[in-house]
Amino acid sequence: MNEHAFRVLEYDKVRDIVARYAASEPGRAEVLELLPAAGFSVVSERLGETRECLHILGSGHHPPLDGILDIRREVGKLAIP
C-alpha cells in the first residue's frame, strides 16, 4: 500500500484508536507497528484469529488480560551474547 492510500484511509488515525484498547504496553507497541497484510495466506490467517477471538468473547468468556506486565527487558537479559 502506498503513502497516498494510507493518508486517504487515515490509517494512522485508525491504528492509534485501536492501540488505545491494548491491554498492555507491548500489545500497544505491536498495534502501532501493524501494517496491512498483502498476501492471501496472511490475511486468511488473521481473519481466522479474529473469528476465534469473536467466538471466545461471544461465548461469554473473557480472557484475563488485566495486569499483563512488560517483561521484554527481563527476557532480553536472558539472551546469549
C-alpha atoms as a PDB file:
ATOM      1  CA  MET A   1       0.000   0.000   0.000  1.00  0.00           C
ATOM      2  CA  ASN A   2       1.404   3.402  -0.880  1.00  0.00           C
ATOM      3  CA  GLU A   3       1.554   6.584   1.193  1.00  0.00           C
ATOM      4  CA  HIS A   4      -1.364   8.157  -0.635  1.00  0.00           C
ATOM      5  CA  ALA A   5      -3.638   5.236   0.242  1.00  0.00           C
ATOM      6  CA  PHE A   6      -2.550   5.352   3.899  1.00  0.00           C
ATOM      7  CA  ARG A   7      -3.314   9.064   4.012  1.00  0.00           C
ATOM      8  CA  VAL A   8      -6.694   8.793   2.267  1.00  0.00           C
ATOM      9  CA  LEU A   9      -7.780   5.913   4.528  1.00  0.00           C
ATOM     10  CA  GLU A  10      -6.423   7.761   7.597  1.00  0.00           C
ATOM     11  CA  TYR A  11      -4.670   4.540   8.536  1.00  0.00           C
ATOM     12  CA  ASP A  12      -2.569   6.174  11.263  1.00  0.00           C
ATOM     13  CA  LYS A  13      -5.687   7.529  12.996  1.00  0.00           C
ATOM     14  CA  VAL A  14      -7.426   4.152  12.912  1.00  0.00           C
ATOM     15  CA  ARG A  15      -4.286   2.412  14.206  1.00  0.00           C
ATOM     16  CA  ASP A  16      -3.994   4.942  17.064  1.00  0.00           C
ATOM     17  CA  ILE A  17      -7.612   4.342  18.072  1.00  0.00           C
ATOM     18  CA  VAL A  18      -7.096   0.569  18.110  1.00  0.00           C
ATOM     19  CA  ALA A  19      -3.861   0.966  20.105  1.00  0.00           C
ATOM     20  CA  ARG A  20      -5.776   2.732  22.883  1.00  0.00           C
ATOM     21  CA  TYR A  21      -7.639  -0.520  23.548  1.00  0.00           C
ATOM     22  CA  ALA A  22      -4.495  -2.619  24.017  1.00  0.00           C
ATOM     23  CA  ALA A  23      -4.338  -4.341  27.398  1.00  0.00           C
ATOM     24  CA  SER A  24      -0.562  -3.925  27.756  1.00  0.00           C
ATOM     25  CA  GLU A  25       2.276  -1.716  26.615  1.00  0.00           C
ATOM     26  CA  PRO A  26       3.828  -4.484  24.482  1.00  0.00           C
ATOM     27  CA  GLY A  27       0.432  -5.013  22.849  1.00  0.00           C
ATOM     28  CA  ARG A  28       0.097  -1.311  22.186  1.00  0.00           C
ATOM     29  CA  ALA A  29       3.560  -1.238  20.619  1.00  0.00           C
ATOM     30  CA  GLU A  30       2.639  -4.194  18.388  1.00  0.00           C
ATOM     31  CA  VAL A  31      -0.543  -2.472  17.203  1.00  0.00           C
ATOM     32  CA  LEU A  32       1.376   0.696  16.351  1.00  0.00           C
ATOM     33  CA  GLU A  33       3.722  -1.376  14.162  1.00  0.00           C
ATOM     34  CA  LEU A  34       0.922  -3.141  12.248  1.00  0.00           C
ATOM     35  CA  LEU A  35       0.720  -2.728   8.513  1.00  0.00           C
ATOM     36  CA  PRO A  36      -1.926  -4.124   6.177  1.00  0.00           C
ATOM     37  CA  ALA A  37      -1.151  -7.635   5.006  1.00  0.00           C
ATOM     38  CA  ALA A  38      -0.535  -8.119   1.304  1.00  0.00           C
ATOM     39  CA  GLY A  39      -0.651 -11.874   0.926  1.00  0.00           C
ATOM     40  CA  PHE A  40      -3.781 -14.009   0.860  1.00  0.00           C
ATOM     41  CA  SER A  41      -2.410 -16.512   3.393  1.00  0.00           C
ATOM     42  CA  VAL A  42      -1.587 -13.808   5.952  1.00  0.00           C
ATOM     43  CA  VAL A  43      -4.985 -12.150   5.536  1.00  0.00           C
ATOM     44  CA  SER A  44      -6.708 -15.518   5.831  1.00  0.00           C
ATOM     45  CA  GLU A  45      -4.757 -16.367   8.996  1.00  0.00           C
ATOM     46  CA  ARG A  46      -5.555 -13.009  10.607  1.00  0.00           C
ATOM     47  CA  LEU A  47      -9.245 -13.362   9.770  1.00  0.00           C
ATOM     48  CA  GLY A  48      -9.219 -16.817  11.351  1.00  0.00           C
ATOM     49  CA  GLU A  49      -7.674 -15.386  14.523  1.00  0.00           C
ATOM     50  CA  THR A  50     -10.302 -12.647  14.558  1.00  0.00           C
ATOM     51  CA  ARG A  51     -13.122 -15.193  14.181  1.00  0.00           C
ATOM     52  CA  GLU A  52     -11.653 -17.248  17.030  1.00  0.00           C
ATOM     53  CA  CYS A  53     -11.495 -14.193  19.321  1.00  0.00           C
ATOM     54  CA  LEU A  54     -15.055 -13.211  18.448  1.00  0.00           C
ATOM     55  CA  HIS A  55     -16.193 -16.763  19.190  1.00  0.00           C
ATOM     56  CA  ILE A  56     -14.483 -16.709  22.611  1.00  0.00           C
ATOM     57  CA  LEU A  57     -15.892 -13.298  23.508  1.00  0.00           C
ATOM     58  CA  GLY A  58     -19.340 -14.259  22.174  1.00  0.00           C
ATOM     59  CA  SER A  59     -19.394 -17.331  24.408  1.00  0.00           C
ATOM     60  CA  GLY A  60     -19.203 -15.125  27.489  1.00  0.00           C
ATOM     61  CA  HIS A  61     -15.605 -15.998  28.328  1.00  0.00           C
ATOM     62  CA  HIS A  62     -13.250 -13.111  28.819  1.00  0.00           C
ATOM     63  CA  PRO A  63      -9.533 -13.851  28.816  1.00  0.00           C
ATOM     64  CA  PRO A  64      -7.741 -12.457  31.878  1.00  0.00           C
ATOM     65  CA  LEU A  65      -5.811  -9.612  30.277  1.00  0.00           C
ATOM     66  CA  ASP A  66      -5.606  -7.321  33.295  1.00  0.00           C
ATOM     67  CA  GLY A  67      -2.182  -6.916  34.836  1.00  0.00           C
ATOM     68  CA  ILE A  68      -0.120  -8.041  31.853  1.00  0.00           C
ATOM     69  CA  LEU A  69       3.435  -6.983  32.588  1.00  0.00           C
ATOM     70  CA  ASP A  70       6.055  -5.843  30.114  1.00  0.00           C
ATOM     71  CA  ILE A  71       8.832  -8.412  30.579  1.00  0.00           C
ATOM     72  CA  ARG A  72      10.785  -7.633  27.425  1.00  0.00           C
ATOM     73  CA  ARG A  73      13.732  -6.190  29.373  1.00  0.00           C
ATOM     74  CA  GLU A  74      13.950  -9.251  31.614  1.00  0.00           C
ATOM     75  CA  VAL A  75      13.707 -11.633  28.678  1.00  0.00           C
ATOM     76  CA  GLY A  76      16.417  -9.623  26.897  1.00  0.00           C
ATOM     77  CA  LYS A  77      18.763 -10.258  29.815  1.00  0.00           C
ATOM     78  CA  LEU A  78      18.454 -13.983  29.112  1.00  0.00           C
ATOM     79  CA  ALA A  79      19.914 -13.651  25.644  1.00  0.00           C
ATOM     80  CA  ILE A  80      23.184 -15.446  24.988  1.00  0.00           C
ATOM     81  CA  PRO A  81      25.877 -12.979  23.852  1.00  0.00           C
END
